[in-house]
N, C-alpha and C. Protein backbone atom coordinates (compact mmCIF):
# COMPACT_ATOMS: atom_id res chain seq x y z
N MET A 1 12.85 2.87 2.43
CA MET A 1 12.39 3.46 1.71
C MET A 1 11.11 4.54 1.84
N ALA A 2 11.13 5.32 1.76
CA ALA A 2 9.93 6.20 1.86
C ALA A 2 9.14 6.27 0.74
N LEU A 3 8.15 6.49 0.96
CA LEU A 3 6.43 6.98 0.18
C LEU A 3 6.85 7.86 -1.08
N ASP A 4 6.60 8.17 -2.17
CA ASP A 4 7.25 8.65 -3.59
C ASP A 4 6.83 10.18 -3.19
N SER A 5 6.81 10.92 -2.79
CA SER A 5 6.45 12.32 -3.07
C SER A 5 5.64 12.50 -3.86
N PHE A 6 5.26 12.68 -5.37
CA PHE A 6 3.70 12.45 -5.77
C PHE A 6 3.09 11.78 -5.15
N LEU A 7 3.29 10.90 -4.75
CA LEU A 7 2.30 9.95 -4.26
C LEU A 7 1.56 10.89 -2.93
N LEU A 8 2.66 11.79 -1.93
CA LEU A 8 2.18 12.14 -0.90
C LEU A 8 1.29 13.66 -1.64
N ASP A 9 1.69 14.16 -2.46
CA ASP A 9 1.21 15.44 -3.24
C ASP A 9 -0.31 14.72 -3.41
N LEU A 10 -0.82 14.05 -3.67
CA LEU A 10 -1.96 13.38 -3.66
C LEU A 10 -2.82 12.71 -2.58
N LEU A 11 -2.08 12.19 -1.46
CA LEU A 11 -2.83 11.54 -0.86
C LEU A 11 -3.97 12.45 0.43
N GLU A 12 -4.69 11.86 0.42
CA GLU A 12 -5.81 12.40 1.25
C GLU A 12 -6.80 11.35 2.22
N ASP A 13 -6.96 11.94 3.54
CA ASP A 13 -7.67 11.00 4.29
C ASP A 13 -8.90 9.95 3.46
N PRO A 14 -9.52 8.49 3.43
CA PRO A 14 -10.52 8.16 2.66
C PRO A 14 -11.71 8.56 3.53
N ALA A 15 -11.60 9.19 4.93
CA ALA A 15 -12.98 8.74 5.33
C ALA A 15 -13.09 10.59 5.10
N ASP A 16 -12.19 11.47 5.55
CA ASP A 16 -12.67 12.60 5.52
C ASP A 16 -12.67 13.73 4.52
N HIS A 17 -11.62 13.42 3.37
CA HIS A 17 -11.04 13.70 2.32
C HIS A 17 -9.32 15.17 2.75
N GLY A 18 -9.27 15.14 4.16
CA GLY A 18 -8.41 16.10 4.06
C GLY A 18 -7.20 15.04 4.10
N PRO A 19 -5.96 16.94 4.94
CA PRO A 19 -4.63 15.87 4.23
C PRO A 19 -4.78 15.12 5.47
N LEU A 20 -3.29 14.36 5.26
CA LEU A 20 -2.85 13.56 6.02
C LEU A 20 -1.19 13.84 7.10
N ARG A 21 -0.66 14.12 7.84
CA ARG A 21 0.47 14.03 8.43
C ARG A 21 1.50 12.79 7.95
N TYR A 22 2.08 12.59 7.36
CA TYR A 22 3.05 11.17 6.53
C TYR A 22 4.14 11.73 7.44
N VAL A 23 4.77 10.15 8.20
CA VAL A 23 5.82 10.04 9.41
C VAL A 23 6.51 8.49 9.28
N ALA A 24 7.60 8.98 8.21
CA ALA A 24 8.38 7.96 7.46
C ALA A 24 9.26 7.41 8.67
N SER A 25 9.38 7.66 9.64
CA SER A 25 10.63 7.36 10.93
C SER A 25 9.11 6.13 11.58
N LEU A 26 8.20 6.24 11.29
CA LEU A 26 7.15 5.70 12.45
C LEU A 26 6.20 4.78 11.24
N ASP A 27 6.35 5.15 9.65
CA ASP A 27 5.76 4.08 8.84
C ASP A 27 4.43 4.18 9.04
N VAL A 28 3.99 5.30 9.14
CA VAL A 28 2.47 6.25 9.28
C VAL A 28 1.93 7.23 8.61
N LEU A 29 0.67 7.26 8.18
CA LEU A 29 0.14 8.25 7.57
C LEU A 29 -1.14 8.38 9.39
N TYR A 30 -0.88 9.42 8.87
CA TYR A 30 -1.64 10.34 10.72
C TYR A 30 -3.16 11.55 10.22
N ASN A 31 -4.46 11.31 10.34
CA ASN A 31 -5.42 12.41 10.13
C ASN A 31 -5.17 12.73 11.88
N PRO A 32 -4.40 14.24 11.92
CA PRO A 32 -4.68 14.62 13.18
C PRO A 32 -6.17 15.29 13.88
N ARG A 33 -7.20 15.58 12.42
CA ARG A 33 -8.39 15.65 13.30
C ARG A 33 -9.33 14.74 13.68
N THR A 34 -9.15 13.35 12.94
CA THR A 34 -10.03 12.31 13.51
C THR A 34 -8.69 11.24 14.48
N ARG A 35 -7.69 11.80 14.75
CA ARG A 35 -6.81 10.96 15.23
C ARG A 35 -6.89 9.68 15.16
N ARG A 36 -6.67 9.04 13.56
CA ARG A 36 -6.79 8.39 13.22
C ARG A 36 -5.36 7.91 12.36
N ALA A 37 -4.97 6.60 12.73
CA ALA A 37 -3.46 6.48 11.48
C ALA A 37 -3.80 5.43 11.12
N TYR A 38 -2.77 5.30 9.45
CA TYR A 38 -3.23 4.27 8.52
C TYR A 38 -1.57 3.79 8.29
N ALA A 39 -1.44 2.61 8.83
CA ALA A 39 -0.01 1.29 8.05
C ALA A 39 0.55 2.23 6.74
N VAL A 40 1.62 1.91 7.03
CA VAL A 40 2.53 2.30 5.85
C VAL A 40 3.53 0.53 5.46
N ARG A 41 3.20 -0.43 4.77
CA ARG A 41 3.68 -1.90 4.86
C ARG A 41 4.65 -1.96 3.91
N ASP A 42 5.77 -2.40 3.67
CA ASP A 42 6.42 -2.26 2.65
C ASP A 42 6.08 -1.21 1.48
N ASP A 43 6.29 0.04 1.48
CA ASP A 43 5.91 1.49 1.60
C ASP A 43 5.24 1.64 0.55
N ILE A 44 4.01 0.42 1.04
CA ILE A 44 2.52 0.72 0.54
C ILE A 44 1.37 1.36 1.71
N ALA A 45 0.52 2.32 1.44
CA ALA A 45 0.07 2.81 2.10
C ALA A 45 -1.68 1.75 2.59
N VAL A 46 -1.80 1.86 3.83
CA VAL A 46 -3.19 0.49 3.14
C VAL A 46 -3.79 1.72 4.05
N MET A 47 -4.30 2.45 3.28
CA MET A 47 -4.93 3.40 3.22
C MET A 47 -7.20 2.73 3.35
N LEU A 48 -7.32 2.20 3.99
CA LEU A 48 -8.75 1.41 3.99
C LEU A 48 -9.45 2.30 5.67
N PRO A 49 -10.38 2.37 5.50
CA PRO A 49 -10.82 2.75 7.18
C PRO A 49 -11.01 2.40 8.09
N GLY A 50 -11.30 1.19 7.34
CA GLY A 50 -11.48 -0.23 8.25
C GLY A 50 -10.10 -0.29 8.76
N GLU A 51 -9.05 -0.49 8.47
CA GLU A 51 -7.58 -0.62 8.72
C GLU A 51 -6.81 0.20 9.47
N SER A 52 -7.53 1.41 10.01
CA SER A 52 -6.67 2.45 10.87
C SER A 52 -7.35 2.26 11.92
N ARG A 53 -6.48 2.65 12.56
CA ARG A 53 -6.72 2.70 14.68
C ARG A 53 -6.58 4.43 14.98
N GLU A 54 -6.87 4.58 15.85
CA GLU A 54 -7.66 5.21 16.76
C GLU A 54 -6.12 5.50 17.77
N VAL A 55 -5.30 6.94 17.44
CA VAL A 55 -4.28 7.12 18.52
C VAL A 55 -4.38 8.30 19.81
N ASP A 56 -3.73 7.60 21.35
CA ASP A 56 -4.09 8.36 22.31
C ASP A 56 -3.22 9.52 22.31
N ASP A 57 -3.28 10.37 23.38
CA ASP A 57 -2.85 11.97 23.30
C ASP A 57 -0.98 11.64 22.94
N ALA A 58 -0.56 10.69 24.13
CA ALA A 58 0.89 10.37 23.48
C ALA A 58 1.31 10.43 22.43
N GLU A 59 0.41 8.88 21.74
CA GLU A 59 0.95 9.27 20.43
C GLU A 59 0.97 10.26 19.19
N HIS A 60 -0.35 11.32 19.40
CA HIS A 60 -0.69 11.93 18.63
C HIS A 60 0.75 12.77 18.83
N GLU A 61 1.46 13.27 20.23
CA GLU A 61 2.00 14.32 20.18
C GLU A 61 3.61 13.54 19.91
N ARG A 62 4.21 12.54 19.88
CA ARG A 62 4.60 12.16 19.18
C ARG A 62 4.75 12.03 17.71
N ILE A 63 3.91 11.42 16.97
CA ILE A 63 3.52 11.70 15.77
C ILE A 63 3.22 13.21 14.93
N MET A 64 3.17 14.47 15.60
CA MET A 64 2.95 16.09 15.06
C MET A 64 4.12 16.33 15.38
N GLY A 65 5.00 15.65 16.76
CA GLY A 65 6.46 16.47 17.23
C GLY A 65 7.33 15.77 15.73
N ASP A 66 7.37 14.84 15.46
CA ASP A 66 8.59 14.04 15.15
C ASP A 66 9.08 14.66 13.29
N PRO A 67 10.68 15.05 13.70
CA PRO A 67 11.07 15.81 12.63
C PRO A 67 10.78 15.02 11.05
N THR A 68 10.55 14.00 10.45
CA THR A 68 10.77 13.02 9.91
C THR A 68 9.19 12.99 8.84
N GLY A 69 8.08 13.72 9.84
CA GLY A 69 6.79 14.17 9.26
C GLY A 69 6.94 14.99 8.29
N ARG A 70 6.16 15.62 7.47
CA ARG A 70 5.00 16.36 5.83
C ARG A 70 3.62 15.76 5.87
N ASP A 71 3.11 16.80 5.78
CA ASP A 71 1.79 16.71 5.48
C ASP A 71 1.29 16.13 3.69
N THR A 72 0.40 15.80 3.65
CA THR A 72 0.14 15.58 2.34
C THR A 72 -0.64 16.60 1.36
N GLY A 73 -0.44 16.47 0.06
CA GLY A 73 -1.19 17.40 -0.72
C GLY A 73 -0.35 18.62 -1.21
N ARG A 74 -0.57 18.95 -1.69
CA ARG A 74 0.33 20.04 -2.60
C ARG A 74 0.28 21.28 -1.49
N SER A 75 1.92 21.48 -1.35
CA SER A 75 1.73 22.91 -0.69
C SER A 75 2.23 24.17 -1.13
């Protein structure tokens, strides 16, 4: 099960308050501006800055190119 669309419309990065990229196939919420990823565990977004992790160039490309990805915030 993926994160709810209503929730995704509201989510923003807790550190810089900008939109995130949600990739359901990788269970990740990603901030391409800071290259930090937040885990999604059991359909719950772990949005604690201290729990985020740095993403390298290869993973950045994989996340941004994943067809299951969508941006958070209202479109």
